[in-house]
All heavy atoms as atom14 arrays in JSON, in Angstrom:
{
  "sequence": "TPLGFAAGAQIRGIDLRKPLSDADQRLINAAWLEHIVLV",
  "atom14_mask": [
    [1, 1, 1, 1, 1, 1, 1, 0, 0, 0, 0, 0, 0, 0],
    [1, 1, 1, 1, 1, 1, 1, 0, 0, 0, 0, 0, 0, 0],
    [1, 1, 1, 1, 1, 1, 1, 1, 0, 0, 0, 0, 0, 0],
    [1, 1, 1, 1, 0, 0, 0, 0, 0, 0, 0, 0, 0, 0],
    [1, 1, 1, 1, 1, 1, 1, 1, 1, 1, 1, 0, 0, 0],
    [1, 1, 1, 1, 1, 0, 0, 0, 0, 0, 0, 0, 0, 0],
    [1, 1, 1, 1, 1, 0, 0, 0, 0, 0, 0, 0, 0, 0],
    [1, 1, 1, 1, 0, 0, 0, 0, 0, 0, 0, 0, 0, 0],
    [1, 1, 1, 1, 1, 0, 0, 0, 0, 0, 0, 0, 0, 0],
    [1, 1, 1, 1, 1, 1, 1, 1, 1, 0, 0, 0, 0, 0],
    [1, 1, 1, 1, 1, 1, 1, 1, 0, 0, 0, 0, 0, 0],
    [1, 1, 1, 1, 1, 1, 1, 1, 1, 1, 1, 0, 0, 0],
    [1, 1, 1, 1, 0, 0, 0, 0, 0, 0, 0, 0, 0, 0],
    [1, 1, 1, 1, 1, 1, 1, 1, 0, 0, 0, 0, 0, 0],
    [1, 1, 1, 1, 1, 1, 1, 1, 0, 0, 0, 0, 0, 0],
    [1, 1, 1, 1, 1, 1, 1, 1, 0, 0, 0, 0, 0, 0],
    [1, 1, 1, 1, 1, 1, 1, 1, 1, 1, 1, 0, 0, 0],
    [1, 1, 1, 1, 1, 1, 1, 1, 1, 0, 0, 0, 0, 0],
    [1, 1, 1, 1, 1, 1, 1, 0, 0, 0, 0, 0, 0, 0],
    [1, 1, 1, 1, 1, 1, 1, 1, 0, 0, 0, 0, 0, 0],
    [1, 1, 1, 1, 1, 1, 0, 0, 0, 0, 0, 0, 0, 0],
    [1, 1, 1, 1, 1, 1, 1, 1, 0, 0, 0, 0, 0, 0],
    [1, 1, 1, 1, 1, 0, 0, 0, 0, 0, 0, 0, 0, 0],
    [1, 1, 1, 1, 1, 1, 1, 1, 0, 0, 0, 0, 0, 0],
    [1, 1, 1, 1, 1, 1, 1, 1, 1, 0, 0, 0, 0, 0],
    [1, 1, 1, 1, 1, 1, 1, 1, 1, 1, 1, 0, 0, 0],
    [1, 1, 1, 1, 1, 1, 1, 1, 0, 0, 0, 0, 0, 0],
    [1, 1, 1, 1, 1, 1, 1, 1, 0, 0, 0, 0, 0, 0],
    [1, 1, 1, 1, 1, 1, 1, 1, 0, 0, 0, 0, 0, 0],
    [1, 1, 1, 1, 1, 0, 0, 0, 0, 0, 0, 0, 0, 0],
    [1, 1, 1, 1, 1, 0, 0, 0, 0, 0, 0, 0, 0, 0],
    [1, 1, 1, 1, 1, 1, 1, 1, 1, 1, 1, 1, 1, 1],
    [1, 1, 1, 1, 1, 1, 1, 1, 0, 0, 0, 0, 0, 0],
    [1, 1, 1, 1, 1, 1, 1, 1, 1, 0, 0, 0, 0, 0],
    [1, 1, 1, 1, 1, 1, 1, 1, 1, 1, 0, 0, 0, 0],
    [1, 1, 1, 1, 1, 1, 1, 1, 0, 0, 0, 0, 0, 0],
    [1, 1, 1, 1, 1, 1, 1, 0, 0, 0, 0, 0, 0, 0],
    [1, 1, 1, 1, 1, 1, 1, 1, 0, 0, 0, 0, 0, 0],
    [1, 1, 1, 1, 1, 1, 1, 0, 0, 0, 0, 0, 0, 0]
  ],
  "atom14_positions": [
    [[0.84, -1.2, 0.0], [0.0, 0.0, 0.0], [0.87, 1.24, 0.0], [1.63, 1.47, 0.95], [-0.9, 0.03, 1.25], [-1.65, -1.19, 1.33], [-1.84, 1.22, 1.2], [0.0, 0.0, 0.0], [0.0, 0.0, 0.0], [0.0, 0.0, 0.0], [0.0, 0.0, 0.0], [0.0, 0.0, 0.0], [0.0, 0.0, 0.0], [0.0, 0.0, 0.0]],
    [[0.8, 2.08, -1.04], [1.58, 3.32, -1.02], [1.2, 4.2, 0.16], [0.02, 4.29, 0.53], [1.22, 3.99, -2.36], [0.77, 2.86, -3.23], [0.07, 1.9, -2.3], [0.0, 0.0, 0.0], [0.0, 0.0, 0.0], [0.0, 0.0, 0.0], [0.0, 0.0, 0.0], [0.0, 0.0, 0.0], [0.0, 0.0, 0.0], [0.0, 0.0, 0.0]],
    [[2.21, 4.85, 0.75], [1.99, 5.74, 1.89], [2.23, 7.2, 1.57], [1.81, 8.08, 2.33], [2.92, 5.33, 3.04], [2.71, 3.94, 3.64], [3.8, 3.63, 4.66], [1.33, 3.83, 4.28], [0.0, 0.0, 0.0], [0.0, 0.0, 0.0], [0.0, 0.0, 0.0], [0.0, 0.0, 0.0], [0.0, 0.0, 0.0], [0.0, 0.0, 0.0]],
    [[2.92, 7.47, 0.48], [3.21, 8.85, 0.12], [3.46, 8.97, -1.37], [3.68, 7.97, -2.06], [0.0, 0.0, 0.0], [0.0, 0.0, 0.0], [0.0, 0.0, 0.0], [0.0, 0.0, 0.0], [0.0, 0.0, 0.0], [0.0, 0.0, 0.0], [0.0, 0.0, 0.0], [0.0, 0.0, 0.0], [0.0, 0.0, 0.0], [0.0, 0.0, 0.0]],
    [[3.42, 10.2, -1.87], [3.67, 10.43, -3.3], [5.14, 10.28, -3.63], [5.52, 9.57, -4.57], [3.19, 11.82, -3.71], [3.72, 12.26, -5.05], [3.25, 11.67, -6.21], [4.7, 13.24, -5.14], [3.75, 12.06, -7.46], [5.21, 13.64, -6.38], [4.72, 13.04, -7.54], [0.0, 0.0, 0.0], [0.0, 0.0, 0.0], [0.0, 0.0, 0.0]],
    [[6.0, 10.92, -2.86], [7.43, 10.93, -3.17], [8.1, 9.62, -2.82], [9.04, 9.19, -3.5], [8.12, 12.08, -2.43], [0.0, 0.0, 0.0], [0.0, 0.0, 0.0], [0.0, 0.0, 0.0], [0.0, 0.0, 0.0], [0.0, 0.0, 0.0], [0.0, 0.0, 0.0], [0.0, 0.0, 0.0], [0.0, 0.0, 0.0], [0.0, 0.0, 0.0]],
    [[7.66, 8.98, -1.76], [8.27, 7.74, -1.3], [7.33, 7.1, -0.28], [6.4, 7.73, 0.22], [9.64, 8.01, -0.66], [0.0, 0.0, 0.0], [0.0, 0.0, 0.0], [0.0, 0.0, 0.0], [0.0, 0.0, 0.0], [0.0, 0.0, 0.0], [0.0, 0.0, 0.0], [0.0, 0.0, 0.0], [0.0, 0.0, 0.0], [0.0, 0.0, 0.0]],
    [[7.62, 5.83, 0.03], [6.92, 5.17, 1.12], [5.83, 4.22, 0.68], [4.95, 4.6, -0.09], [0.0, 0.0, 0.0], [0.0, 0.0, 0.0], [0.0, 0.0, 0.0], [0.0, 0.0, 0.0], [0.0, 0.0, 0.0], [0.0, 0.0, 0.0], [0.0, 0.0, 0.0], [0.0, 0.0, 0.0], [0.0, 0.0, 0.0], [0.0, 0.0, 0.0]],
    [[5.92, 2.98, 1.16], [4.86, 2.0, 0.97], [4.88, 1.04, 2.16], [5.94, 0.75, 2.72], [5.03, 1.22, -0.33], [0.0, 0.0, 0.0], [0.0, 0.0, 0.0], [0.0, 0.0, 0.0], [0.0, 0.0, 0.0], [0.0, 0.0, 0.0], [0.0, 0.0, 0.0], [0.0, 0.0, 0.0], [0.0, 0.0, 0.0], [0.0, 0.0, 0.0]],
    [[3.71, 0.57, 2.54], [3.58, -0.39, 3.63], [3.38, -1.78, 3.05], [2.64, -1.95, 2.08], [2.39, -0.02, 4.51], [2.13, -0.99, 5.65], [0.94, -0.56, 6.49], [1.09, 0.15, 7.48], [-0.26, -0.96, 6.07], [0.0, 0.0, 0.0], [0.0, 0.0, 0.0], [0.0, 0.0, 0.0], [0.0, 0.0, 0.0], [0.0, 0.0, 0.0]],
    [[4.04, -2.77, 3.66], [3.88, -4.15, 3.22], [3.36, -4.99, 4.38], [3.99, -5.06, 5.44], [5.2, -4.73, 2.68], [5.66, -3.95, 1.44], [5.03, -6.21, 2.34], [6.86, -4.53, 0.74], [0.0, 0.0, 0.0], [0.0, 0.0, 0.0], [0.0, 0.0, 0.0], [0.0, 0.0, 0.0], [0.0, 0.0, 0.0], [0.0, 0.0, 0.0]],
    [[2.21, -5.59, 4.17], [1.62, -6.51, 5.14], [1.5, -7.89, 4.5], [1.7, -8.07, 3.31], [0.25, -6.01, 5.61], [0.32, -4.79, 6.54], [-1.03, -4.47, 7.13], [-0.99, -3.36, 8.08], [-0.74, -3.49, 9.37], [-0.51, -4.71, 9.87], [-0.73, -2.45, 10.18], [0.0, 0.0, 0.0], [0.0, 0.0, 0.0], [0.0, 0.0, 0.0]],
    [[1.14, -8.86, 5.34], [0.96, -10.22, 4.83], [2.22, -11.04, 4.81], [2.31, -12.02, 4.06], [0.0, 0.0, 0.0], [0.0, 0.0, 0.0], [0.0, 0.0, 0.0], [0.0, 0.0, 0.0], [0.0, 0.0, 0.0], [0.0, 0.0, 0.0], [0.0, 0.0, 0.0], [0.0, 0.0, 0.0], [0.0, 0.0, 0.0], [0.0, 0.0, 0.0]],
    [[3.21, -10.64, 5.63], [4.46, -11.38, 5.66], [5.01, -11.37, 7.09], [4.9, -10.36, 7.81], [5.5, -10.78, 4.67], [6.72, -11.69, 4.57], [5.89, -9.36, 5.06], [7.63, -11.33, 3.42], [0.0, 0.0, 0.0], [0.0, 0.0, 0.0], [0.0, 0.0, 0.0], [0.0, 0.0, 0.0], [0.0, 0.0, 0.0], [0.0, 0.0, 0.0]],
    [[5.58, -12.48, 7.49], [6.22, -12.61, 8.79], [7.73, -12.69, 8.55], [8.23, -13.7, 8.03], [5.72, -13.89, 9.49], [6.27, -14.04, 10.91], [7.21, -13.31, 11.27], [5.76, -14.91, 11.65], [0.0, 0.0, 0.0], [0.0, 0.0, 0.0], [0.0, 0.0, 0.0], [0.0, 0.0, 0.0], [0.0, 0.0, 0.0], [0.0, 0.0, 0.0]],
    [[8.44, -11.63, 8.89], [9.86, -11.56, 8.59], [10.7, -12.48, 9.48], [11.91, -12.61, 9.25], [10.36, -10.12, 8.72], [9.69, -9.09, 7.82], [10.4, -7.74, 7.93], [9.67, -9.55, 6.37], [0.0, 0.0, 0.0], [0.0, 0.0, 0.0], [0.0, 0.0, 0.0], [0.0, 0.0, 0.0], [0.0, 0.0, 0.0], [0.0, 0.0, 0.0]],
    [[10.08, -13.12, 10.45], [10.8, -14.1, 11.26], [11.07, -15.37, 10.46], [11.99, -16.14, 10.78], [10.02, -14.44, 12.52], [9.84, -13.29, 13.49], [8.92, -13.66, 14.64], [7.58, -14.01, 14.16], [6.58, -14.37, 14.94], [6.75, -14.43, 16.25], [5.39, -14.66, 14.43], [0.0, 0.0, 0.0], [0.0, 0.0, 0.0], [0.0, 0.0, 0.0]],
    [[10.28, -15.6, 9.42], [10.4, -16.82, 8.62], [11.34, -16.56, 7.43], [11.45, -15.43, 6.95], [9.03, -17.25, 8.13], [8.06, -17.58, 9.26], [6.7, -17.95, 8.72], [5.72, -18.27, 9.86], [4.36, -18.61, 9.34], [0.0, 0.0, 0.0], [0.0, 0.0, 0.0], [0.0, 0.0, 0.0], [0.0, 0.0, 0.0], [0.0, 0.0, 0.0]],
    [[12.0, -17.61, 6.93], [12.85, -17.45, 5.75], [12.06, -16.85, 4.59], [10.91, -17.21, 4.34], [13.31, -18.88, 5.44], [13.23, -19.59, 6.76], [12.04, -18.99, 7.46], [0.0, 0.0, 0.0], [0.0, 0.0, 0.0], [0.0, 0.0, 0.0], [0.0, 0.0, 0.0], [0.0, 0.0, 0.0], [0.0, 0.0, 0.0], [0.0, 0.0, 0.0]],
    [[12.68, -15.93, 3.89], [12.03, -15.21, 2.79], [12.11, -16.04, 1.52], [13.2, -16.46, 1.1], [12.71, -13.86, 2.6], [12.05, -12.83, 1.7], [10.7, -12.41, 2.28], [12.96, -11.62, 1.55], [0.0, 0.0, 0.0], [0.0, 0.0, 0.0], [0.0, 0.0, 0.0], [0.0, 0.0, 0.0], [0.0, 0.0, 0.0], [0.0, 0.0, 0.0]],
    [[10.96, -16.28, 0.89], [10.96, -17.04, -0.36], [11.54, -16.19, -1.48], [11.56, -14.96, -1.41], [9.53, -17.46, -0.72], [8.76, -16.33, -1.12], [0.0, 0.0, 0.0], [0.0, 0.0, 0.0], [0.0, 0.0, 0.0], [0.0, 0.0, 0.0], [0.0, 0.0, 0.0], [0.0, 0.0, 0.0], [0.0, 0.0, 0.0], [0.0, 0.0, 0.0]],
    [[11.99, -16.85, -2.53], [12.54, -16.12, -3.68], [11.48, -15.23, -4.31], [11.77, -14.09, -4.73], [13.08, -17.1, -4.71], [14.34, -17.81, -4.24], [14.99, -17.33, -3.29], [14.68, -18.86, -4.83], [0.0, 0.0, 0.0], [0.0, 0.0, 0.0], [0.0, 0.0, 0.0], [0.0, 0.0, 0.0], [0.0, 0.0, 0.0], [0.0, 0.0, 0.0]],
    [[10.25, -15.73, -4.38], [9.17, -14.93, -4.99], [8.9, -13.67, -4.18], [8.76, -12.57, -4.75], [7.9, -15.77, -5.1], [0.0, 0.0, 0.0], [0.0, 0.0, 0.0], [0.0, 0.0, 0.0], [0.0, 0.0, 0.0], [0.0, 0.0, 0.0], [0.0, 0.0, 0.0], [0.0, 0.0, 0.0], [0.0, 0.0, 0.0], [0.0, 0.0, 0.0]],
    [[8.83, -13.79, -2.86], [8.6, -12.62, -2.02], [9.79, -11.67, -2.07], [9.61, -10.44, -2.06], [8.34, -13.05, -0.57], [6.92, -13.57, -0.37], [6.08, -13.37, -1.28], [6.65, -14.17, 0.69], [0.0, 0.0, 0.0], [0.0, 0.0, 0.0], [0.0, 0.0, 0.0], [0.0, 0.0, 0.0], [0.0, 0.0, 0.0], [0.0, 0.0, 0.0]],
    [[10.99, -12.21, -2.13], [12.18, -11.35, -2.23], [12.12, -10.5, -3.49], [12.42, -9.3, -3.45], [13.45, -12.21, -2.21], [14.74, -11.42, -2.02], [15.29, -10.83, -3.31], [14.94, -11.3, -4.4], [16.13, -9.82, -3.18], [0.0, 0.0, 0.0], [0.0, 0.0, 0.0], [0.0, 0.0, 0.0], [0.0, 0.0, 0.0], [0.0, 0.0, 0.0]],
    [[11.71, -11.09, -4.6], [11.64, -10.34, -5.85], [10.56, -9.26, -5.78], [10.78, -8.12, -6.25], [11.37, -11.29, -7.02], [12.56, -12.16, -7.39], [12.32, -12.87, -8.71], [11.26, -13.87, -8.61], [11.44, -15.14, -8.28], [12.65, -15.59, -8.01], [10.41, -15.98, -8.25], [0.0, 0.0, 0.0], [0.0, 0.0, 0.0], [0.0, 0.0, 0.0]],
    [[9.41, -9.58, -5.19], [8.35, -8.59, -5.07], [8.76, -7.44, -4.15], [8.5, -6.26, -4.45], [7.09, -9.26, -4.51], [6.25, -10.08, -5.51], [5.16, -10.83, -4.77], [5.64, -9.17, -6.58], [0.0, 0.0, 0.0], [0.0, 0.0, 0.0], [0.0, 0.0, 0.0], [0.0, 0.0, 0.0], [0.0, 0.0, 0.0], [0.0, 0.0, 0.0]],
    [[9.4, -7.77, -3.04], [9.84, -6.73, -2.11], [10.91, -5.86, -2.76], [10.88, -4.62, -2.63], [10.36, -7.36, -0.81], [9.19, -7.98, -0.03], [11.08, -6.32, 0.05], [9.61, -8.83, 1.14], [0.0, 0.0, 0.0], [0.0, 0.0, 0.0], [0.0, 0.0, 0.0], [0.0, 0.0, 0.0], [0.0, 0.0, 0.0], [0.0, 0.0, 0.0]],
    [[11.83, -6.47, -3.48], [12.88, -5.68, -4.13], [12.29, -4.74, -5.18], [12.71, -3.57, -5.29], [13.92, -6.6, -4.77], [15.19, -5.86, -5.16], [15.99, -5.47, -4.31], [15.37, -5.63, -6.45], [0.0, 0.0, 0.0], [0.0, 0.0, 0.0], [0.0, 0.0, 0.0], [0.0, 0.0, 0.0], [0.0, 0.0, 0.0], [0.0, 0.0, 0.0]],
    [[11.31, -5.22, -5.94], [10.67, -4.36, -6.95], [9.95, -3.2, -6.27], [10.02, -2.05, -6.74], [9.7, -5.18, -7.79], [0.0, 0.0, 0.0], [0.0, 0.0, 0.0], [0.0, 0.0, 0.0], [0.0, 0.0, 0.0], [0.0, 0.0, 0.0], [0.0, 0.0, 0.0], [0.0, 0.0, 0.0], [0.0, 0.0, 0.0], [0.0, 0.0, 0.0]],
    [[9.26, -3.48, -5.16], [8.57, -2.42, -4.42], [9.57, -1.43, -3.84], [9.32, -0.22, -3.8], [7.71, -3.02, -3.32], [0.0, 0.0, 0.0], [0.0, 0.0, 0.0], [0.0, 0.0, 0.0], [0.0, 0.0, 0.0], [0.0, 0.0, 0.0], [0.0, 0.0, 0.0], [0.0, 0.0, 0.0], [0.0, 0.0, 0.0], [0.0, 0.0, 0.0]],
    [[10.68, -1.93, -3.38], [11.75, -1.1, -2.82], [12.27, -0.11, -3.86], [12.42, 1.08, -3.58], [12.85, -2.03, -2.33], [13.92, -1.43, -1.49], [13.8, -0.46, -0.54], [15.31, -1.8, -1.5], [15.02, -0.2, 0.05], [15.95, -1.01, -0.52], [16.05, -2.72, -2.22], [17.32, -1.13, -0.27], [17.4, -2.84, -1.96], [18.03, -2.04, -1.0]],
    [[12.54, -0.62, -5.06], [13.04, 0.25, -6.12], [12.0, 1.29, -6.53], [12.35, 2.41, -6.89], [13.45, -0.59, -7.33], [14.62, -1.55, -7.13], [14.88, -2.34, -8.41], [15.88, -0.81, -6.7], [0.0, 0.0, 0.0], [0.0, 0.0, 0.0], [0.0, 0.0, 0.0], [0.0, 0.0, 0.0], [0.0, 0.0, 0.0], [0.0, 0.0, 0.0]],
    [[10.73, 0.94, -6.46], [9.67, 1.86, -6.85], [9.37, 2.89, -5.77], [9.22, 4.08, -6.06], [8.38, 1.09, -7.16], [7.22, 1.98, -7.55], [5.95, 1.22, -7.84], [5.97, -0.03, -7.8], [4.91, 1.88, -8.12], [0.0, 0.0, 0.0], [0.0, 0.0, 0.0], [0.0, 0.0, 0.0], [0.0, 0.0, 0.0], [0.0, 0.0, 0.0]],
    [[9.31, 2.47, -4.51], [8.83, 3.33, -3.43], [9.94, 3.88, -2.53], [9.67, 4.72, -1.66], [7.82, 2.58, -2.57], [6.59, 2.17, -3.31], [5.61, 3.06, -3.69], [6.19, 0.95, -3.76], [4.64, 2.42, -4.32], [4.97, 1.13, -4.39], [0.0, 0.0, 0.0], [0.0, 0.0, 0.0], [0.0, 0.0, 0.0], [0.0, 0.0, 0.0]],
    [[11.15, 3.38, -2.66], [12.35, 3.86, -1.94], [12.34, 3.48, -0.46], [13.35, 3.03, 0.07], [12.56, 5.38, -2.11], [12.68, 5.73, -3.61], [13.79, 5.86, -1.35], [12.78, 7.21, -3.89], [0.0, 0.0, 0.0], [0.0, 0.0, 0.0], [0.0, 0.0, 0.0], [0.0, 0.0, 0.0], [0.0, 0.0, 0.0], [0.0, 0.0, 0.0]],
    [[11.21, 3.67, 0.22], [11.09, 3.35, 1.65], [9.95, 2.37, 1.83], [8.82, 2.63, 1.4], [10.82, 4.61, 2.49], [10.79, 4.26, 3.98], [11.87, 5.69, 2.24], [0.0, 0.0, 0.0], [0.0, 0.0, 0.0], [0.0, 0.0, 0.0], [0.0, 0.0, 0.0], [0.0, 0.0, 0.0], [0.0, 0.0, 0.0], [0.0, 0.0, 0.0]],
    [[10.24, 1.23, 2.49], [9.22, 0.21, 2.76], [9.05, 0.05, 4.27], [10.03, -0.02, 5.01], [9.61, -1.14, 2.15], [9.77, -1.19, 0.63], [10.15, -2.61, 0.2], [8.5, -0.73, -0.08], [0.0, 0.0, 0.0], [0.0, 0.0, 0.0], [0.0, 0.0, 0.0], [0.0, 0.0, 0.0], [0.0, 0.0, 0.0], [0.0, 0.0, 0.0]],
    [[7.8, -0.04, 4.71], [7.46, -0.21, 6.12], [6.79, -1.57, 6.32], [5.76, -1.84, 5.69], [6.52, 0.91, 6.61], [6.18, 0.71, 8.09], [7.14, 2.28, 6.37], [0.0, 0.0, 0.0], [0.0, 0.0, 0.0], [0.0, 0.0, 0.0], [0.0, 0.0, 0.0], [0.0, 0.0, 0.0], [0.0, 0.0, 0.0], [0.0, 0.0, 0.0]]
  ]
}
């Protein structure tokens, strides 16, 4: 969910205590490049 125009997005639906799957890693990295800041 985007949080701001210039930067910022929130990511829910994931437990970071668990090993990160390759698919989730790719999605998070793409969101990171787009939104700059992820919460």
